[in-house]
Amino acid sequence: IYWFDKFQAQQNGRRIPEATLHLLEALGGWPGA
């Protein structure tokens, strides 16, 4: 999802909300983040 968000940022596309990223981090995805 970080990769997709970066790709979207480079393409000026629709971004992943930061709240979604933080939720995934808090649930246990922080090592991947």
PDB file of all heavy atoms in Angstrom:
ATOM      1  N   ILE A   1       0.836  -1.208   0.000  1.00  0.00           N
ATOM      2  CA  ILE A   1       0.000   0.000   0.000  1.00  0.00           C
ATOM      3  C   ILE A   1       0.871   1.258   0.000  1.00  0.00           C
ATOM      4  O   ILE A   1       0.540   2.243  -0.661  1.00  0.00           O
ATOM      5  CB  ILE A   1      -1.013  -0.046   1.155  1.00  0.00           C
ATOM      6  CG1 ILE A   1      -2.055  -1.117   0.824  1.00  0.00           C
ATOM      7  CG2 ILE A   1      -1.667   1.304   1.395  1.00  0.00           C
ATOM      8  CD1 ILE A   1      -3.076  -1.368   1.888  1.00  0.00           C
ATOM      9  N   TYR A   2       1.995   1.231   0.716  1.00  0.00           N
ATOM     10  CA  TYR A   2       2.951   2.350   0.649  1.00  0.00           C
ATOM     11  C   TYR A   2       3.455   2.515  -0.785  1.00  0.00           C
ATOM     12  O   TYR A   2       3.566   3.622  -1.293  1.00  0.00           O
ATOM     13  CB  TYR A   2       4.142   2.089   1.570  1.00  0.00           C
ATOM     14  CG  TYR A   2       4.073   2.729   2.929  1.00  0.00           C
ATOM     15  CD1 TYR A   2       3.247   2.232   3.928  1.00  0.00           C
ATOM     16  CD2 TYR A   2       4.867   3.827   3.242  1.00  0.00           C
ATOM     17  CE1 TYR A   2       3.214   2.806   5.189  1.00  0.00           C
ATOM     18  CE2 TYR A   2       4.848   4.413   4.490  1.00  0.00           C
ATOM     19  CZ  TYR A   2       4.018   3.891   5.454  1.00  0.00           C
ATOM     20  OH  TYR A   2       3.989   4.472   6.697  1.00  0.00           O
ATOM     21  N   TRP A   3       3.800   1.387  -1.421  1.00  0.00           N
ATOM     22  CA  TRP A   3       4.287   1.450  -2.799  1.00  0.00           C
ATOM     23  C   TRP A   3       3.223   2.067  -3.702  1.00  0.00           C
ATOM     24  O   TRP A   3       3.518   2.932  -4.519  1.00  0.00           O
ATOM     25  CB  TRP A   3       4.661   0.051  -3.302  1.00  0.00           C
ATOM     26  CG  TRP A   3       5.040   0.076  -4.753  1.00  0.00           C
ATOM     27  CD1 TRP A   3       6.257   0.353  -5.284  1.00  0.00           C
ATOM     28  CD2 TRP A   3       4.152  -0.127  -5.856  1.00  0.00           C
ATOM     29  NE1 TRP A   3       6.190   0.325  -6.656  1.00  0.00           N
ATOM     30  CE2 TRP A   3       4.901   0.038  -7.036  1.00  0.00           C
ATOM     31  CE3 TRP A   3       2.797  -0.432  -5.968  1.00  0.00           C
ATOM     32  CZ2 TRP A   3       4.344  -0.091  -8.300  1.00  0.00           C
ATOM     33  CZ3 TRP A   3       2.244  -0.558  -7.223  1.00  0.00           C
ATOM     34  CH2 TRP A   3       3.027  -0.395  -8.379  1.00  0.00           C
ATOM     35  N   PHE A   4       1.972   1.612  -3.534  1.00  0.00           N
ATOM     36  CA  PHE A   4       0.889   2.141  -4.357  1.00  0.00           C
ATOM     37  C   PHE A   4       0.685   3.630  -4.089  1.00  0.00           C
ATOM     38  O   PHE A   4       0.475   4.411  -5.023  1.00  0.00           O
ATOM     39  CB  PHE A   4      -0.405   1.371  -4.083  1.00  0.00           C
ATOM     40  CG  PHE A   4      -1.565   1.838  -4.927  1.00  0.00           C
ATOM     41  CD1 PHE A   4      -1.625   1.528  -6.275  1.00  0.00           C
ATOM     42  CD2 PHE A   4      -2.577   2.610  -4.378  1.00  0.00           C
ATOM     43  CE1 PHE A   4      -2.686   1.964  -7.063  1.00  0.00           C
ATOM     44  CE2 PHE A   4      -3.632   3.046  -5.145  1.00  0.00           C
ATOM     45  CZ  PHE A   4      -3.692   2.729  -6.496  1.00  0.00           C
ATOM     46  N   ASP A   5       0.762   4.047  -2.835  1.00  0.00           N
ATOM     47  CA  ASP A   5       0.598   5.458  -2.498  1.00  0.00           C
ATOM     48  C   ASP A   5       1.709   6.298  -3.128  1.00  0.00           C
ATOM     49  O   ASP A   5       1.455   7.377  -3.652  1.00  0.00           O
ATOM     50  CB  ASP A   5       0.575   5.641  -0.982  1.00  0.00           C
ATOM     51  CG  ASP A   5       0.246   7.067  -0.589  1.00  0.00           C
ATOM     52  OD1 ASP A   5      -0.802   7.585  -1.042  1.00  0.00           O
ATOM     53  OD2 ASP A   5       1.031   7.675   0.167  1.00  0.00           O
ATOM     54  N   LYS A   6       2.932   5.801  -3.099  1.00  0.00           N
ATOM     55  CA  LYS A   6       4.033   6.525  -3.728  1.00  0.00           C
ATOM     56  C   LYS A   6       3.819   6.604  -5.240  1.00  0.00           C
ATOM     57  O   LYS A   6       4.025   7.658  -5.851  1.00  0.00           O
ATOM     58  CB  LYS A   6       5.368   5.860  -3.427  1.00  0.00           C
ATOM     59  CG  LYS A   6       6.500   6.535  -4.197  1.00  0.00           C
ATOM     60  CD  LYS A   6       7.779   6.542  -3.509  1.00  0.00           C
ATOM     61  CE  LYS A   6       8.770   7.336  -4.361  1.00  0.00           C
ATOM     62  NZ  LYS A   6       9.906   7.751  -3.634  1.00  0.00           N
ATOM     63  N   PHE A   7       3.398   5.505  -5.835  1.00  0.00           N
ATOM     64  CA  PHE A   7       3.119   5.495  -7.275  1.00  0.00           C
ATOM     65  C   PHE A   7       2.041   6.523  -7.605  1.00  0.00           C
ATOM     66  O   PHE A   7       2.174   7.293  -8.566  1.00  0.00           O
ATOM     67  CB  PHE A   7       2.677   4.095  -7.712  1.00  0.00           C
ATOM     68  CG  PHE A   7       2.254   4.017  -9.143  1.00  0.00           C
ATOM     69  CD1 PHE A   7       3.203   3.959 -10.148  1.00  0.00           C
ATOM     70  CD2 PHE A   7       0.911   3.997  -9.487  1.00  0.00           C
ATOM     71  CE1 PHE A   7       2.810   3.893 -11.480  1.00  0.00           C
ATOM     72  CE2 PHE A   7       0.512   3.928 -10.812  1.00  0.00           C
ATOM     73  CZ  PHE A   7       1.466   3.876 -11.825  1.00  0.00           C
ATOM     74  N   GLN A   8       0.972   6.547  -6.831  1.00  0.00           N
ATOM     75  CA  GLN A   8      -0.106   7.506  -7.040  1.00  0.00           C
ATOM     76  C   GLN A   8       0.395   8.941  -6.872  1.00  0.00           C
ATOM     77  O   GLN A   8      -0.015   9.833  -7.615  1.00  0.00           O
ATOM     78  CB  GLN A   8      -1.269   7.240  -6.089  1.00  0.00           C
ATOM     79  CG  GLN A   8      -2.049   5.975  -6.407  1.00  0.00           C
ATOM     80  CD  GLN A   8      -2.770   6.055  -7.743  1.00  0.00           C
ATOM     81  OE1 GLN A   8      -2.220   5.697  -8.781  1.00  0.00           O
ATOM     82  NE2 GLN A   8      -3.989   6.538  -7.716  1.00  0.00           N
ATOM     83  N   ALA A   9       1.269   9.166  -5.903  1.00  0.00           N
ATOM     84  CA  ALA A   9       1.825  10.507  -5.693  1.00  0.00           C
ATOM     85  C   ALA A   9       2.629  10.951  -6.913  1.00  0.00           C
ATOM     86  O   ALA A   9       2.532  12.108  -7.352  1.00  0.00           O
ATOM     87  CB  ALA A   9       2.701  10.530  -4.442  1.00  0.00           C
ATOM     88  N   GLN A  10       3.399  10.036  -7.495  1.00  0.00           N
ATOM     89  CA  GLN A  10       4.204  10.368  -8.671  1.00  0.00           C
ATOM     90  C   GLN A  10       3.339  10.623  -9.902  1.00  0.00           C
ATOM     91  O   GLN A  10       3.722  11.381 -10.791  1.00  0.00           O
ATOM     92  CB  GLN A  10       5.196   9.244  -8.958  1.00  0.00           C
ATOM     93  CG  GLN A  10       6.269   9.122  -7.908  1.00  0.00           C
ATOM     94  CD  GLN A  10       7.092   7.861  -8.061  1.00  0.00           C
ATOM     95  OE1 GLN A  10       6.648   6.852  -8.624  1.00  0.00           O
ATOM     96  NE2 GLN A  10       8.310   7.901  -7.537  1.00  0.00           N
ATOM     97  N   GLN A  11       2.164   9.987  -9.948  1.00  0.00           N
ATOM     98  CA  GLN A  11       1.259  10.128 -11.090  1.00  0.00           C
ATOM     99  C   GLN A  11       0.186  11.194 -10.855  1.00  0.00           C
ATOM    100  O   GLN A  11      -0.708  11.338 -11.689  1.00  0.00           O
ATOM    101  CB  GLN A  11       0.574   8.785 -11.379  1.00  0.00           C
ATOM    102  CG  GLN A  11       1.518   7.636 -11.630  1.00  0.00           C
ATOM    103  CD  GLN A  11       2.404   7.870 -12.840  1.00  0.00           C
ATOM    104  OE1 GLN A  11       1.945   8.326 -13.877  1.00  0.00           O
ATOM    105  NE2 GLN A  11       3.686   7.582 -12.711  1.00  0.00           N
ATOM    106  N   ASN A  12       0.267  11.880  -9.711  1.00  0.00           N
ATOM    107  CA  ASN A  12      -0.769  12.841  -9.310  1.00  0.00           C
ATOM    108  C   ASN A  12      -2.142  12.181  -9.247  1.00  0.00           C
ATOM    109  O   ASN A  12      -3.151  12.777  -9.602  1.00  0.00           O
ATOM    110  CB  ASN A  12      -0.799  14.065 -10.234  1.00  0.00           C
ATOM    111  CG  ASN A  12       0.428  14.919 -10.079  1.00  0.00           C
ATOM    112  OD1 ASN A  12       0.925  15.093  -8.970  1.00  0.00           O
ATOM    113  ND2 ASN A  12       0.942  15.433 -11.180  1.00  0.00           N
ATOM    114  N   GLY A  13      -2.161  10.945  -8.803  1.00  0.00           N
ATOM    115  CA  GLY A  13      -3.398  10.188  -8.690  1.00  0.00           C
ATOM    116  C   GLY A  13      -3.996  10.275  -7.302  1.00  0.00           C
ATOM    117  O   GLY A  13      -3.524  11.013  -6.434  1.00  0.00           O
ATOM    118  N   ARG A  14      -5.037   9.508  -7.103  1.00  0.00           N
ATOM    119  CA  ARG A  14      -5.731   9.472  -5.816  1.00  0.00           C
ATOM    120  C   ARG A  14      -4.866   8.749  -4.786  1.00  0.00           C
ATOM    121  O   ARG A  14      -4.466   7.604  -4.991  1.00  0.00           O
ATOM    122  CB  ARG A  14      -7.074   8.774  -5.975  1.00  0.00           C
ATOM    123  CG  ARG A  14      -7.927   8.837  -4.750  1.00  0.00           C
ATOM    124  CD  ARG A  14      -9.252   8.174  -5.027  1.00  0.00           C
ATOM    125  NE  ARG A  14     -10.039   8.156  -3.832  1.00  0.00           N
ATOM    126  CZ  ARG A  14     -11.156   8.852  -3.665  1.00  0.00           C
ATOM    127  NH1 ARG A  14     -11.611   9.595  -4.642  1.00  0.00           N
ATOM    128  NH2 ARG A  14     -11.813   8.783  -2.541  1.00  0.00           N
ATOM    129  N   ARG A  15      -4.594   9.412  -3.663  1.00  0.00           N
ATOM    130  CA  ARG A  15      -3.689   8.905  -2.638  1.00  0.00           C
ATOM    131  C   ARG A  15      -4.423   8.075  -1.595  1.00  0.00           C
ATOM    132  O   ARG A  15      -5.631   8.171  -1.431  1.00  0.00           O
ATOM    133  CB  ARG A  15      -3.000  10.072  -1.924  1.00  0.00           C
ATOM    134  CG  ARG A  15      -2.235  11.033  -2.832  1.00  0.00           C
ATOM    135  CD  ARG A  15      -0.928  10.465  -3.325  1.00  0.00           C
ATOM    136  NE  ARG A  15      -0.044  10.090  -2.236  1.00  0.00           N
ATOM    137  CZ  ARG A  15       0.759  10.922  -1.588  1.00  0.00           C
ATOM    138  NH1 ARG A  15       0.807  12.196  -1.927  1.00  0.00           N
ATOM    139  NH2 ARG A  15       1.522  10.482  -0.605  1.00  0.00           N
ATOM    140  N   ILE A  16      -3.670   7.261  -0.885  1.00  0.00           N
ATOM    141  CA  ILE A  16      -4.184   6.499   0.243  1.00  0.00           C
ATOM    142  C   ILE A  16      -4.225   7.455   1.443  1.00  0.00           C
ATOM    143  O   ILE A  16      -3.222   8.110   1.731  1.00  0.00           O
ATOM    144  CB  ILE A  16      -3.264   5.301   0.577  1.00  0.00           C
ATOM    145  CG1 ILE A  16      -3.055   4.404  -0.644  1.00  0.00           C
ATOM    146  CG2 ILE A  16      -3.784   4.526   1.772  1.00  0.00           C
ATOM    147  CD1 ILE A  16      -4.283   3.712  -1.145  1.00  0.00           C
ATOM    148  N   PRO A  17      -5.349   7.548   2.148  1.00  0.00           N
ATOM    149  CA  PRO A  17      -5.400   8.439   3.316  1.00  0.00           C
ATOM    150  C   PRO A  17      -4.374   8.026   4.374  1.00  0.00           C
ATOM    151  O   PRO A  17      -4.163   6.827   4.618  1.00  0.00           O
ATOM    152  CB  PRO A  17      -6.822   8.266   3.852  1.00  0.00           C
ATOM    153  CG  PRO A  17      -7.606   7.709   2.703  1.00  0.00           C
ATOM    154  CD  PRO A  17      -6.636   6.912   1.887  1.00  0.00           C
ATOM    155  N   GLU A  18      -3.747   9.023   4.996  1.00  0.00           N
ATOM    156  CA  GLU A  18      -2.760   8.730   6.036  1.00  0.00           C
ATOM    157  C   GLU A  18      -3.385   7.939   7.180  1.00  0.00           C
ATOM    158  O   GLU A  18      -2.720   7.099   7.779  1.00  0.00           O
ATOM    159  CB  GLU A  18      -2.120  10.018   6.544  1.00  0.00           C
ATOM    160  CG  GLU A  18      -1.141  10.607   5.550  1.00  0.00           C
ATOM    161  CD  GLU A  18      -0.376  11.797   6.083  1.00  0.00           C
ATOM    162  OE1 GLU A  18      -0.629  12.242   7.235  1.00  0.00           O
ATOM    163  OE2 GLU A  18       0.485  12.296   5.343  1.00  0.00           O
ATOM    164  N   ALA A  19      -4.647   8.182   7.476  1.00  0.00           N
ATOM    165  CA  ALA A  19      -5.317   7.436   8.545  1.00  0.00           C
ATOM    166  C   ALA A  19      -5.342   5.944   8.230  1.00  0.00           C
ATOM    167  O   ALA A  19      -5.198   5.115   9.142  1.00  0.00           O
ATOM    168  CB  ALA A  19      -6.738   7.963   8.754  1.00  0.00           C
ATOM    169  N   THR A  20      -5.487   5.582   6.972  1.00  0.00           N
ATOM    170  CA  THR A  20      -5.472   4.167   6.568  1.00  0.00           C
ATOM    171  C   THR A  20      -4.085   3.572   6.791  1.00  0.00           C
ATOM    172  O   THR A  20      -3.954   2.454   7.307  1.00  0.00           O
ATOM    173  CB  THR A  20      -5.879   4.024   5.091  1.00  0.00           C
ATOM    174  OG1 THR A  20      -7.181   4.575   4.913  1.00  0.00           O
ATOM    175  CG2 THR A  20      -5.868   2.575   4.640  1.00  0.00           C
ATOM    176  N   LEU A  21      -3.058   4.325   6.411  1.00  0.00           N
ATOM    177  CA  LEU A  21      -1.691   3.849   6.622  1.00  0.00           C
ATOM    178  C   LEU A  21      -1.419   3.654   8.114  1.00  0.00           C
ATOM    179  O   LEU A  21      -0.851   2.631   8.524  1.00  0.00           O
ATOM    180  CB  LEU A  21      -0.685   4.839   6.018  1.00  0.00           C
ATOM    181  CG  LEU A  21      -0.756   5.036   4.502  1.00  0.00           C
ATOM    182  CD1 LEU A  21       0.203   6.137   4.071  1.00  0.00           C
ATOM    183  CD2 LEU A  21      -0.469   3.750   3.767  1.00  0.00           C
ATOM    184  N   HIS A  22      -1.844   4.620   8.931  1.00  0.00           N
ATOM    185  CA  HIS A  22      -1.614   4.509  10.372  1.00  0.00           C
ATOM    186  C   HIS A  22      -2.403   3.354  10.981  1.00  0.00           C
ATOM    187  O   HIS A  22      -1.915   2.684  11.901  1.00  0.00           O
ATOM    188  CB  HIS A  22      -1.953   5.823  11.072  1.00  0.00           C
ATOM    189  CG  HIS A  22      -0.982   6.926  10.757  1.00  0.00           C
ATOM    190  ND1 HIS A  22       0.384   6.766  10.805  1.00  0.00           N
ATOM    191  CD2 HIS A  22      -1.189   8.213  10.384  1.00  0.00           C
ATOM    192  CE1 HIS A  22       0.970   7.901  10.477  1.00  0.00           C
ATOM    193  NE2 HIS A  22       0.041   8.787  10.213  1.00  0.00           N
ATOM    194  N   LEU A  23      -3.581   3.094  10.492  1.00  0.00           N
ATOM    195  CA  LEU A  23      -4.363   1.952  10.997  1.00  0.00           C
ATOM    196  C   LEU A  23      -3.627   0.646  10.720  1.00  0.00           C
ATOM    197  O   LEU A  23      -3.498  -0.212  11.603  1.00  0.00           O
ATOM    198  CB  LEU A  23      -5.755   1.932  10.363  1.00  0.00           C
ATOM    199  CG  LEU A  23      -6.631   0.737  10.748  1.00  0.00           C
ATOM    200  CD1 LEU A  23      -6.932   0.751  12.252  1.00  0.00           C
ATOM    201  CD2 LEU A  23      -7.926   0.752   9.944  1.00  0.00           C
ATOM    202  N   LEU A  24      -3.127   0.496   9.503  1.00  0.00           N
ATOM    203  CA  LEU A  24      -2.371  -0.714   9.158  1.00  0.00           C
ATOM    204  C   LEU A  24      -1.117  -0.852  10.010  1.00  0.00           C
ATOM    205  O   LEU A  24      -0.772  -1.952  10.450  1.00  0.00           O
ATOM    206  CB  LEU A  24      -2.005  -0.699   7.676  1.00  0.00           C
ATOM    207  CG  LEU A  24      -3.156  -0.927   6.707  1.00  0.00           C
ATOM    208  CD1 LEU A  24      -2.738  -0.588   5.290  1.00  0.00           C
ATOM    209  CD2 LEU A  24      -3.645  -2.357   6.802  1.00  0.00           C
ATOM    210  N   GLU A  25      -0.442   0.270  10.272  1.00  0.00           N
ATOM    211  CA  GLU A  25       0.751   0.250  11.120  1.00  0.00           C
ATOM    212  C   GLU A  25       0.396  -0.201  12.537  1.00  0.00           C
ATOM    213  O   GLU A  25       1.070  -1.058  13.113  1.00  0.00           O
ATOM    214  CB  GLU A  25       1.382   1.643  11.165  1.00  0.00           C
ATOM    215  CG  GLU A  25       1.904   2.124   9.837  1.00  0.00           C
ATOM    216  CD  GLU A  25       1.991   3.636   9.717  1.00  0.00           C
ATOM    217  OE1 GLU A  25       1.715   4.362  10.701  1.00  0.00           O
ATOM    218  OE2 GLU A  25       2.344   4.096   8.617  1.00  0.00           O
ATOM    219  N   ALA A  26      -0.669   0.374  13.089  1.00  0.00           N
ATOM    220  CA  ALA A  26      -1.076   0.060  14.462  1.00  0.00           C
ATOM    221  C   ALA A  26      -1.539  -1.383  14.599  1.00  0.00           C
ATOM    222  O   ALA A  26      -1.355  -1.997  15.652  1.00  0.00           O
ATOM    223  CB  ALA A  26      -2.177   1.016  14.919  1.00  0.00           C
ATOM    224  N   LEU A  27      -2.115  -1.940  13.548  1.00  0.00           N
ATOM    225  CA  LEU A  27      -2.591  -3.323  13.592  1.00  0.00           C
ATOM    226  C   LEU A  27      -1.464  -4.355  13.480  1.00  0.00           C
ATOM    227  O   LEU A  27      -1.689  -5.533  13.708  1.00  0.00           O
ATOM    228  CB  LEU A  27      -3.624  -3.562  12.489  1.00  0.00           C
ATOM    229  CG  LEU A  27      -4.965  -2.863  12.674  1.00  0.00           C
ATOM    230  CD1 LEU A  27      -5.841  -3.070  11.445  1.00  0.00           C
ATOM    231  CD2 LEU A  27      -5.665  -3.360  13.926  1.00  0.00           C
ATOM    232  N   GLY A  28      -0.274  -3.904  13.121  1.00  0.00           N
ATOM    233  CA  GLY A  28       0.853  -4.825  13.030  1.00  0.00           C
ATOM    234  C   GLY A  28       1.646  -4.726  11.745  1.00  0.00           C
ATOM    235  O   GLY A  28       2.631  -5.451  11.568  1.00  0.00           O
ATOM    236  N   GLY A  29       1.275  -3.848  10.846  1.00  0.00           N
ATOM    237  CA  GLY A  29       1.998  -3.699   9.589  1.00  0.00           C
ATOM    238  C   GLY A  29       3.162  -2.728   9.659  1.00  0.00           C
ATOM    239  O   GLY A  29       3.781  -2.420   8.644  1.00  0.00           O
ATOM    240  N   TRP A  30       3.486  -2.269  10.878  1.00  0.00           N
ATOM    241  CA  TRP A  30       4.563  -1.279  11.001  1.00  0.00           C
ATOM    242  C   TRP A  30       5.923  -1.761  10.502  1.00  0.00           C
ATOM    243  O   TRP A  30       6.679  -0.944   9.958  1.00  0.00           O
ATOM    244  CB  TRP A  30       4.652  -0.729  12.428  1.00  0.00           C
ATOM    245  CG  TRP A  30       5.083  -1.700  13.475  1.00  0.00           C
ATOM    246  CD1 TRP A  30       4.283  -2.435  14.294  1.00  0.00           C
ATOM    247  CD2 TRP A  30       6.431  -2.040  13.805  1.00  0.00           C
ATOM    248  NE1 TRP A  30       5.050  -3.211  15.123  1.00  0.00           N
ATOM    249  CE2 TRP A  30       6.379  -2.986  14.844  1.00  0.00           C
ATOM    250  CE3 TRP A  30       7.682  -1.637  13.336  1.00  0.00           C
ATOM    251  CZ2 TRP A  30       7.506  -3.539  15.416  1.00  0.00           C
ATOM    252  CZ3 TRP A  30       8.814  -2.190  13.897  1.00  0.00           C
ATOM    253  CH2 TRP A  30       8.716  -3.131  14.935  1.00  0.00           C
ATOM    254  N   PRO A  31       6.285  -3.056  10.636  1.00  0.00           N
ATOM    255  CA  PRO A  31       7.595  -3.434  10.070  1.00  0.00           C
ATOM    256  C   PRO A  31       7.640  -3.228   8.545  1.00  0.00           C
ATOM    257  O   PRO A  31       8.632  -2.728   8.010  1.00  0.00           O
ATOM    258  CB  PRO A  31       7.740  -4.921  10.432  1.00  0.00           C
ATOM    259  CG  PRO A  31       6.902  -5.082  11.672  1.00  0.00           C
ATOM    260  CD  PRO A  31       5.715  -4.181  11.414  1.00  0.00           C
ATOM    261  N   GLY A  32       6.558  -3.573   7.867  1.00  0.00           N
ATOM    262  CA  GLY A  32       6.497  -3.344   6.423  1.00  0.00           C
ATOM    263  C   GLY A  32       6.506  -1.870   6.089  1.00  0.00           C
ATOM    264  O   GLY A  32       7.118  -1.438   5.106  1.00  0.00           O
ATOM    265  N   ALA A  33       5.845  -1.070   6.915  1.00  0.00           N
ATOM    266  CA  ALA A  33       5.830   0.385   6.713  1.00  0.00           C
ATOM    267  C   ALA A  33       7.222   0.961   6.904  1.00  0.00           C
ATOM    268  O   ALA A  33       7.654   1.825   6.141  1.00  0.00           O
ATOM    269  CB  ALA A  33       4.841   1.035   7.676  1.00  0.00           C
TER     270      ALA A  33
END
